[in-house]
Amino acid sequence: MNTFSGINWKEKFTVISVGSDFWSDLKGGKWILKLAERLPHVFFVMVGVDDRAIDVPANVKLVRPIKDKNLLADFYSAADVTLLTSKQETFSMVTAESLACGTPVIGFDSGAPKEVAPDGYGIFVSHGDIEGLERCIEGHMNNSINIKSPSECSAFVRAM
């Protein structure tokens, strides 16, 4: 499973974002692109992007919406971390799905995700704090911050 959908998932540290309407102010796709520019050694996969043509940095892969639940689970499982850049979330199915697939979450503190993924399962910074997101991703990459293992993340969700 290291390579599928034209992506070599373990070639670089991989950050996945899953959503719809990424280009709206509410979903914050612009933050993902800014992070990609700041972290050229990290690979970003944006799942759920519509047909709109947009220039993205070379380390960003745009993927159309995935309706197959098993394939979506493969995407979550293959990534090193899930990134949330929304301005506001009520429950955040993305957070729950990510943890269920063994992938911790880093993102903006946008409401419920912080409750769904408490410390260790998720790390959240103030909305707009791009330096904070960058520090969290780098910290996860070099194991200098407390992030749970894939088996701990999925076990946490099963115990909910």
Protein backbone atom coordinates (compact mmCIF):
# COMPACT_ATOMS: atom_id res chain seq x y z
CA MET A 1 0.00 0.00 0.00
CA ASN A 2 2.98 2.36 -0.19
CA THR A 3 2.00 3.45 -3.70
CA PHE A 4 -1.56 4.00 -4.93
CA SER A 5 -3.44 6.77 -6.73
CA GLY A 6 -0.13 7.79 -8.29
CA ILE A 7 1.32 8.72 -4.89
CA ASN A 8 4.36 7.19 -3.22
CA TRP A 9 3.11 7.74 0.31
CA LYS A 10 6.35 6.98 2.13
CA GLU A 11 8.70 8.93 -0.13
CA LYS A 12 8.18 12.02 2.05
CA PHE A 13 6.34 12.85 5.26
CA THR A 14 2.73 13.09 4.06
CA VAL A 15 -0.01 15.42 5.27
CA ILE A 16 -3.58 14.78 4.12
CA SER A 17 -6.53 17.15 4.17
CA VAL A 18 -10.01 15.87 3.39
CA GLY A 19 -12.97 18.08 2.71
CA SER A 20 -15.03 19.96 0.23
CA ASP A 21 -15.06 23.55 -0.92
CA PHE A 22 -11.40 23.94 0.07
CA TRP A 23 -11.21 27.35 -1.60
CA SER A 24 -13.85 28.91 0.64
CA ASP A 25 -12.73 31.07 3.55
CA LEU A 26 -14.48 28.66 5.94
CA LYS A 27 -12.50 25.55 4.86
CA GLY A 28 -9.13 27.27 4.54
CA GLY A 29 -7.44 25.58 1.61
CA LYS A 30 -5.24 28.67 1.28
CA TRP A 31 -3.53 27.68 4.56
CA ILE A 32 -2.60 24.29 3.13
CA LEU A 33 -1.00 25.90 0.10
CA LYS A 34 0.90 28.36 2.32
CA LEU A 35 2.19 25.49 4.46
CA ALA A 36 3.24 23.59 1.35
CA GLU A 37 5.34 26.57 0.29
CA ARG A 38 6.92 26.79 3.75
CA LEU A 39 7.52 23.02 3.97
CA PRO A 40 8.78 21.90 0.54
CA HIS A 41 10.16 18.68 2.08
CA VAL A 42 6.61 17.63 3.08
CA PHE A 43 4.04 16.16 0.67
CA PHE A 44 0.45 17.46 0.92
CA VAL A 45 -2.57 15.56 -0.41
CA MET A 46 -5.87 17.45 -0.66
CA VAL A 47 -8.80 15.06 -1.08
CA GLY A 48 -12.14 16.43 -2.21
CA VAL A 49 -10.99 19.13 -4.60
CA ASP A 50 -13.44 20.09 -7.33
CA ASP A 51 -12.62 20.55 -11.02
CA ARG A 52 -11.41 24.10 -10.60
CA ALA A 53 -8.00 24.57 -12.15
CA ILE A 54 -5.57 26.08 -9.68
CA ASP A 55 -1.81 26.34 -9.56
CA VAL A 56 -0.37 24.54 -6.55
CA PRO A 57 3.17 23.99 -5.32
CA ALA A 58 4.95 20.88 -6.66
CA ASN A 59 4.58 19.13 -3.29
CA VAL A 60 0.76 19.26 -3.40
CA LYS A 61 -1.46 16.59 -4.98
CA LEU A 62 -5.10 17.48 -5.63
CA VAL A 63 -7.52 14.54 -5.53
CA ARG A 64 -11.17 14.61 -6.55
CA PRO A 65 -13.78 13.60 -3.96
CA ILE A 66 -13.56 9.92 -2.96
CA LYS A 67 -16.90 8.14 -2.54
CA ASP A 68 -15.44 4.67 -1.88
CA LYS A 69 -15.11 4.42 1.92
CA ASN A 70 -12.38 1.79 1.72
CA LEU A 71 -10.27 3.88 -0.63
CA LEU A 72 -10.76 6.94 1.59
CA ALA A 73 -9.65 4.85 4.58
CA ASP A 74 -6.55 3.84 2.59
CA PHE A 75 -5.75 7.52 2.02
CA TYR A 76 -6.12 8.38 5.72
CA SER A 77 -4.08 5.34 6.78
CA ALA A 78 -1.24 6.07 4.36
CA ALA A 79 -0.74 9.65 5.58
CA ASP A 80 1.43 10.60 8.54
CA VAL A 81 -1.00 13.24 9.80
CA THR A 82 -4.32 14.83 8.89
CA LEU A 83 -4.43 18.62 8.65
CA LEU A 84 -7.56 20.64 9.52
CA THR A 85 -7.60 24.26 8.39
CA SER A 86 -11.29 25.03 8.84
CA LYS A 87 -12.37 28.18 10.58
CA GLN A 88 -15.21 26.35 12.36
CA GLU A 89 -16.26 22.70 12.75
CA THR A 90 -19.24 21.28 14.61
CA PHE A 91 -18.24 17.61 15.04
CA SER A 92 -15.57 17.04 12.38
CA MET A 93 -16.17 13.68 10.79
CA VAL A 94 -12.73 14.09 9.21
CA THR A 95 -11.14 14.05 12.67
CA ALA A 96 -13.02 10.91 13.73
CA GLU A 97 -12.33 9.12 10.42
CA SER A 98 -8.66 10.04 10.56
CA LEU A 99 -8.19 8.72 14.10
CA ALA A 100 -10.15 5.56 13.27
CA CYS A 101 -7.63 4.94 10.46
CA GLY A 102 -4.72 5.47 12.87
CA THR A 103 -3.76 8.96 11.74
CA PRO A 104 -3.42 11.80 14.28
CA VAL A 105 -4.70 15.31 13.55
CA ILE A 106 -3.02 18.71 13.52
CA GLY A 107 -4.99 21.84 12.83
CA PHE A 108 -6.60 25.06 13.81
CA ASP A 109 -8.65 25.10 17.01
CA SER A 110 -12.01 25.35 15.29
CA GLY A 111 -14.37 23.91 17.86
CA ALA A 112 -15.23 20.22 18.25
CA PRO A 113 -12.12 18.65 16.66
CA LYS A 114 -10.19 19.44 19.85
CA GLU A 115 -12.78 17.46 21.80
CA VAL A 116 -12.78 14.55 19.34
CA ALA A 117 -8.95 14.40 19.25
CA PRO A 118 -7.59 15.42 22.68
CA ASP A 119 -3.89 16.01 23.38
CA GLY A 120 -1.70 13.38 21.82
CA TYR A 121 -4.32 12.37 19.29
CA GLY A 122 -4.59 15.90 18.01
CA ILE A 123 -2.73 19.17 18.37
CA PHE A 124 -4.51 22.43 17.67
CA VAL A 125 -3.34 26.03 17.39
CA SER A 126 -5.23 29.30 17.07
CA HIS A 127 -6.89 29.93 13.72
CA GLY A 128 -4.44 31.60 11.34
CA ASP A 129 -1.33 30.59 13.30
CA ILE A 130 0.57 29.19 10.32
CA GLU A 131 3.85 29.19 12.27
CA GLY A 132 2.14 27.05 14.91
CA LEU A 133 0.93 24.55 12.31
CA GLU A 134 4.42 24.45 10.82
CA ARG A 135 5.99 23.80 14.26
CA CYS A 136 3.48 21.01 14.94
CA ILE A 137 4.13 19.28 11.60
CA GLU A 138 7.90 19.60 12.02
CA GLY A 139 7.62 18.39 15.62
CA HIS A 140 5.67 15.33 14.52
CA MET A 141 8.21 14.66 11.76
CA ASN A 142 11.14 14.69 14.18
CA ASN A 143 9.25 13.06 17.09
CA SER A 144 9.74 16.05 19.38
CA ILE A 145 6.04 16.40 20.24
CA ASN A 146 3.69 13.93 21.86
CA ILE A 147 1.70 12.25 19.08
CA LYS A 148 0.11 8.86 19.58
CA SER A 149 0.95 5.90 17.37
CA PRO A 150 -1.43 4.67 14.66
CA SER A 151 -2.56 1.74 16.83
CA GLU A 152 -3.21 4.08 19.79
CA CYS A 153 -5.24 6.47 17.59
CA SER A 154 -7.49 3.73 16.22
CA ALA A 155 -7.87 2.09 19.65
CA PHE A 156 -8.92 5.45 21.11
CA VAL A 157 -11.76 5.77 18.58
CA ARG A 158 -12.91 2.19 19.09
CA ALA A 159 -13.12 2.86 22.85
CA MET A 160 -15.32 5.98 22.40
